[in-house]
Amino acid sequence: MPTPPTGPAPHHSPNAVPQDIEWRLPRHARSMGRARNLLREQATSWKLPDEVTETAVLLLSELMTNAYRHAKVSPGREIWARCLVAGDRLRVAVTDANDTLPMPREARPDDEAGRGLTLVTALADAWGADPRPHGIGKTVWFELSHKPADASEGRR
């Protein structure tokens, strides 16, 4: 006969919205659009302000594009995107299999690429890149501050 569990059973509200979500997408050109759509949907459920959502979607797209273009793995391997809301901060991170940490560069006016990290630097409240502690690759992240939609609605 099985032993009954000790202590109270954990209570999980069926309506609780996760404040942390991760997507594992194939290293494929279509994954950038998929990541943008997933973040827009999640931001709606988290009730993030529209301007924060649009900035986050733009910056996620830039980091996903960099991971797709520069990760040294075959197509079909995964790029991970993780989003976390903690208090008044949204943190978005993209992990790929390339160990080289990114550096912003000055794009020339006629360059067709090379402005992604410049946008991240200009629009994010904070950003950085870290080697993966237990594996190959790196994680590039950014943070945006926001006020919860419910709190800002009462202050018009």
C-alpha atoms as a PDB file:
ATOM      1  CA  MET A   1       0.000   0.000   0.000  1.00  0.00           C
ATOM      2  CA  PRO A   2       1.485   3.402  -0.975  1.00  0.00           C
ATOM      3  CA  THR A   3       2.385   5.889   1.724  1.00  0.00           C
ATOM      4  CA  PRO A   4       0.229   9.047   1.649  1.00  0.00           C
ATOM      5  CA  PRO A   5       2.136  12.270   0.917  1.00  0.00           C
ATOM      6  CA  THR A   6       3.105  14.365   3.911  1.00  0.00           C
ATOM      7  CA  GLY A   7       2.212  18.020   4.252  1.00  0.00           C
ATOM      8  CA  PRO A   8      -0.445  19.967   2.414  1.00  0.00           C
ATOM      9  CA  ALA A   9      -0.915  19.412  -1.295  1.00  0.00           C
ATOM     10  CA  PRO A  10       0.346  22.322  -3.386  1.00  0.00           C
ATOM     11  CA  HIS A  11      -2.436  24.607  -4.585  1.00  0.00           C
ATOM     12  CA  HIS A  12      -2.266  25.587  -8.245  1.00  0.00           C
ATOM     13  CA  SER A  13      -4.832  28.018  -9.499  1.00  0.00           C
ATOM     14  CA  PRO A  14      -6.187  26.877 -12.869  1.00  0.00           C
ATOM     15  CA  ASN A  15      -6.234  30.550 -13.939  1.00  0.00           C
ATOM     16  CA  ALA A  16      -2.659  31.368 -12.887  1.00  0.00           C
ATOM     17  CA  VAL A  17      -0.625  32.833 -15.722  1.00  0.00           C
ATOM     18  CA  PRO A  18       3.010  31.736 -15.811  1.00  0.00           C
ATOM     19  CA  GLN A  19       5.417  34.622 -15.418  1.00  0.00           C
ATOM     20  CA  ASP A  20       8.269  32.679 -17.036  1.00  0.00           C
ATOM     21  CA  ILE A  21       8.102  30.923 -20.387  1.00  0.00           C
ATOM     22  CA  GLU A  22      10.626  29.334 -22.742  1.00  0.00           C
ATOM     23  CA  TRP A  23      10.402  28.362 -26.385  1.00  0.00           C
ATOM     24  CA  ARG A  24      12.777  26.033 -28.182  1.00  0.00           C
ATOM     25  CA  LEU A  25      12.663  26.831 -31.860  1.00  0.00           C
ATOM     26  CA  PRO A  26      14.566  25.238 -34.732  1.00  0.00           C
ATOM     27  CA  ARG A  27      17.487  27.191 -36.183  1.00  0.00           C
ATOM     28  CA  HIS A  28      15.468  28.121 -39.231  1.00  0.00           C
ATOM     29  CA  ALA A  29      14.556  31.419 -40.896  1.00  0.00           C
ATOM     30  CA  ARG A  30      10.853  30.961 -40.007  1.00  0.00           C
ATOM     31  CA  SER A  31      11.644  30.845 -36.292  1.00  0.00           C
ATOM     32  CA  MET A  32      12.139  34.623 -36.078  1.00  0.00           C
ATOM     33  CA  GLY A  33       8.518  35.265 -37.053  1.00  0.00           C
ATOM     34  CA  ARG A  34       7.310  32.468 -34.789  1.00  0.00           C
ATOM     35  CA  ALA A  35       9.237  33.935 -31.825  1.00  0.00           C
ATOM     36  CA  ARG A  36       7.740  37.393 -32.469  1.00  0.00           C
ATOM     37  CA  ASN A  37       4.202  35.958 -32.538  1.00  0.00           C
ATOM     38  CA  LEU A  38       4.755  33.884 -29.391  1.00  0.00           C
ATOM     39  CA  LEU A  39       6.073  36.907 -27.496  1.00  0.00           C
ATOM     40  CA  ARG A  40       3.149  39.094 -28.618  1.00  0.00           C
ATOM     41  CA  GLU A  41       0.680  36.445 -27.421  1.00  0.00           C
ATOM     42  CA  GLN A  42       2.469  36.007 -24.099  1.00  0.00           C
ATOM     43  CA  ALA A  43       2.758  39.754 -23.525  1.00  0.00           C
ATOM     44  CA  THR A  44      -1.003  40.047 -24.015  1.00  0.00           C
ATOM     45  CA  SER A  45      -1.661  37.415 -21.354  1.00  0.00           C
ATOM     46  CA  TRP A  46       0.789  39.204 -19.027  1.00  0.00           C
ATOM     47  CA  LYS A  47      -0.994  42.510 -19.809  1.00  0.00           C
ATOM     48  CA  LEU A  48       2.233  44.282 -20.709  1.00  0.00           C
ATOM     49  CA  PRO A  49       1.876  47.806 -22.121  1.00  0.00           C
ATOM     50  CA  ASP A  50       1.794  47.942 -25.925  1.00  0.00           C
ATOM     51  CA  GLU A  51       4.949  50.055 -26.214  1.00  0.00           C
ATOM     52  CA  VAL A  52       6.909  47.578 -24.055  1.00  0.00           C
ATOM     53  CA  THR A  53       5.575  44.676 -26.106  1.00  0.00           C
ATOM     54  CA  GLU A  54       6.527  46.254 -29.427  1.00  0.00           C
ATOM     55  CA  THR A  55      10.032  47.117 -28.217  1.00  0.00           C
ATOM     56  CA  ALA A  56      10.491  43.609 -26.787  1.00  0.00           C
ATOM     57  CA  VAL A  57       9.285  42.007 -30.029  1.00  0.00           C
ATOM     58  CA  LEU A  58      11.712  44.120 -32.088  1.00  0.00           C
ATOM     59  CA  LEU A  59      14.660  43.326 -29.820  1.00  0.00           C
ATOM     60  CA  LEU A  60      13.796  39.617 -29.613  1.00  0.00           C
ATOM     61  CA  SER A  61      13.706  39.548 -33.402  1.00  0.00           C
ATOM     62  CA  GLU A  62      17.193  41.075 -33.545  1.00  0.00           C
ATOM     63  CA  LEU A  63      18.619  38.538 -31.069  1.00  0.00           C
ATOM     64  CA  MET A  64      16.913  35.606 -32.823  1.00  0.00           C
ATOM     65  CA  THR A  65      18.261  36.807 -36.174  1.00  0.00           C
ATOM     66  CA  ASN A  66      21.788  37.001 -34.761  1.00  0.00           C
ATOM     67  CA  ALA A  67      21.464  33.497 -33.309  1.00  0.00           C
ATOM     68  CA  TYR A  68      20.169  32.163 -36.624  1.00  0.00           C
ATOM     69  CA  ARG A  69      22.900  33.831 -38.690  1.00  0.00           C
ATOM     70  CA  HIS A  70      25.868  33.271 -36.405  1.00  0.00           C
ATOM     71  CA  ALA A  71      25.274  30.059 -34.431  1.00  0.00           C
ATOM     72  CA  LYS A  72      27.743  27.425 -35.584  1.00  0.00           C
ATOM     73  CA  VAL A  73      25.291  24.568 -35.793  1.00  0.00           C
ATOM     74  CA  SER A  74      23.448  22.893 -38.625  1.00  0.00           C
ATOM     75  CA  PRO A  75      19.974  24.089 -39.624  1.00  0.00           C
ATOM     76  CA  GLY A  76      17.257  22.424 -37.589  1.00  0.00           C
ATOM     77  CA  ARG A  77      19.134  22.707 -34.278  1.00  0.00           C
ATOM     78  CA  GLU A  78      17.434  24.751 -31.602  1.00  0.00           C
ATOM     79  CA  ILE A  79      17.580  28.361 -30.512  1.00  0.00           C
ATOM     80  CA  TRP A  80      16.046  28.947 -27.104  1.00  0.00           C
ATOM     81  CA  ALA A  81      14.098  32.062 -26.206  1.00  0.00           C
ATOM     82  CA  ARG A  82      13.059  32.710 -22.615  1.00  0.00           C
ATOM     83  CA  CYS A  83      10.880  35.520 -21.268  1.00  0.00           C
ATOM     84  CA  LEU A  84      10.452  36.371 -17.615  1.00  0.00           C
ATOM     85  CA  VAL A  85       8.366  39.033 -15.903  1.00  0.00           C
ATOM     86  CA  ALA A  86       9.572  39.873 -12.411  1.00  0.00           C
ATOM     87  CA  GLY A  87       8.025  42.910 -10.759  1.00  0.00           C
ATOM     88  CA  ASP A  88       8.270  45.793 -13.199  1.00  0.00           C
ATOM     89  CA  ARG A  89      10.944  44.151 -15.410  1.00  0.00           C
ATOM     90  CA  LEU A  90      10.639  42.050 -18.545  1.00  0.00           C
ATOM     91  CA  ARG A  91      13.741  39.991 -19.274  1.00  0.00           C
ATOM     92  CA  VAL A  92      14.129  38.274 -22.643  1.00  0.00           C
ATOM     93  CA  ALA A  93      17.030  35.907 -23.316  1.00  0.00           C
ATOM     94  CA  VAL A  94      18.134  34.020 -26.426  1.00  0.00           C
ATOM     95  CA  THR A  95      20.502  31.062 -26.183  1.00  0.00           C
ATOM     96  CA  ASP A  96      22.407  29.559 -29.102  1.00  0.00           C
ATOM     97  CA  ALA A  97      25.350  27.209 -29.659  1.00  0.00           C
ATOM     98  CA  ASN A  98      27.950  29.834 -30.631  1.00  0.00           C
ATOM     99  CA  ASP A  99      30.514  30.570 -27.903  1.00  0.00           C
ATOM    100  CA  THR A 100      31.475  33.976 -29.337  1.00  0.00           C
ATOM    101  CA  LEU A 101      30.028  36.792 -27.252  1.00  0.00           C
ATOM    102  CA  PRO A 102      28.494  39.576 -29.366  1.00  0.00           C
ATOM    103  CA  MET A 103      29.886  43.086 -29.575  1.00  0.00           C
ATOM    104  CA  PRO A 104      27.959  46.065 -30.961  1.00  0.00           C
ATOM    105  CA  ARG A 105      29.568  47.498 -34.059  1.00  0.00           C
ATOM    106  CA  GLU A 106      29.223  50.674 -36.050  1.00  0.00           C
ATOM    107  CA  ALA A 107      27.306  49.875 -39.233  1.00  0.00           C
ATOM    108  CA  ARG A 108      28.045  51.986 -42.281  1.00  0.00           C
ATOM    109  CA  PRO A 109      25.064  53.691 -43.951  1.00  0.00           C
ATOM    110  CA  ASP A 110      25.168  51.238 -46.884  1.00  0.00           C
ATOM    111  CA  ASP A 111      25.440  48.099 -44.709  1.00  0.00           C
ATOM    112  CA  GLU A 112      22.408  45.817 -44.934  1.00  0.00           C
ATOM    113  CA  ALA A 113      23.086  44.239 -41.524  1.00  0.00           C
ATOM    114  CA  GLY A 114      24.934  44.931 -38.299  1.00  0.00           C
ATOM    115  CA  ARG A 115      22.519  47.200 -36.469  1.00  0.00           C
ATOM    116  CA  GLY A 116      20.834  44.649 -34.178  1.00  0.00           C
ATOM    117  CA  LEU A 117      22.948  45.147 -31.072  1.00  0.00           C
ATOM    118  CA  THR A 118      22.958  48.892 -31.654  1.00  0.00           C
ATOM    119  CA  LEU A 119      19.156  48.775 -31.405  1.00  0.00           C
ATOM    120  CA  VAL A 120      19.350  46.603 -28.298  1.00  0.00           C
ATOM    121  CA  THR A 121      21.811  49.040 -26.708  1.00  0.00           C
ATOM    122  CA  ALA A 122      19.633  52.038 -27.579  1.00  0.00           C
ATOM    123  CA  LEU A 123      16.231  50.632 -26.594  1.00  0.00           C
ATOM    124  CA  ALA A 124      16.822  48.216 -23.704  1.00  0.00           C
ATOM    125  CA  ASP A 125      17.221  49.340 -20.108  1.00  0.00           C
ATOM    126  CA  ALA A 126      19.975  46.747 -19.729  1.00  0.00           C
ATOM    127  CA  TRP A 127      21.475  43.981 -21.823  1.00  0.00           C
ATOM    128  CA  GLY A 128      24.345  41.561 -21.766  1.00  0.00           C
ATOM    129  CA  ALA A 129      25.768  38.281 -22.962  1.00  0.00           C
ATOM    130  CA  ASP A 130      27.030  35.370 -20.904  1.00  0.00           C
ATOM    131  CA  PRO A 131      28.643  32.039 -21.750  1.00  0.00           C
ATOM    132  CA  ARG A 132      26.390  29.099 -20.907  1.00  0.00           C
ATOM    133  CA  PRO A 133      27.603  27.821 -17.535  1.00  0.00           C
ATOM    134  CA  HIS A 134      27.168  24.114 -18.325  1.00  0.00           C
ATOM    135  CA  GLY A 135      27.388  23.758 -22.055  1.00  0.00           C
ATOM    136  CA  ILE A 136      28.323  25.071 -25.415  1.00  0.00           C
ATOM    137  CA  GLY A 137      27.130  28.485 -26.468  1.00  0.00           C
ATOM    138  CA  LYS A 138      25.949  31.714 -24.937  1.00  0.00           C
ATOM    139  CA  THR A 139      22.882  33.573 -23.781  1.00  0.00           C
ATOM    140  CA  VAL A 140      22.209  37.143 -24.896  1.00  0.00           C
ATOM    141  CA  TRP A 141      19.567  38.991 -22.895  1.00  0.00           C
ATOM    142  CA  PHE A 142      17.880  42.346 -22.482  1.00  0.00           C
ATOM    143  CA  GLU A 143      15.581  43.915 -19.931  1.00  0.00           C
ATOM    144  CA  LEU A 144      12.805  46.458 -20.264  1.00  0.00           C
ATOM    145  CA  SER A 145      11.056  48.134 -17.379  1.00  0.00           C
ATOM    146  CA  HIS A 146       7.292  48.500 -17.408  1.00  0.00           C
ATOM    147  CA  LYS A 147       4.417  49.387 -15.176  1.00  0.00           C
ATOM    148  CA  PRO A 148       1.700  46.744 -14.931  1.00  0.00           C
ATOM    149  CA  ALA A 149      -1.235  47.710 -17.150  1.00  0.00           C
ATOM    150  CA  ASP A 150      -3.696  47.630 -14.237  1.00  0.00           C
ATOM    151  CA  ALA A 151      -1.593  50.091 -12.192  1.00  0.00           C
ATOM    152  CA  SER A 152      -1.154  52.558 -15.035  1.00  0.00           C
ATOM    153  CA  GLU A 153      -4.849  52.546 -16.008  1.00  0.00           C
ATOM    154  CA  GLY A 154      -5.875  54.121 -12.688  1.00  0.00           C
ATOM    155  CA  ARG A 155      -3.461  57.057 -13.085  1.00  0.00           C
ATOM    156  CA  ARG A 156      -4.760  58.763 -16.188  1.00  0.00           C
END
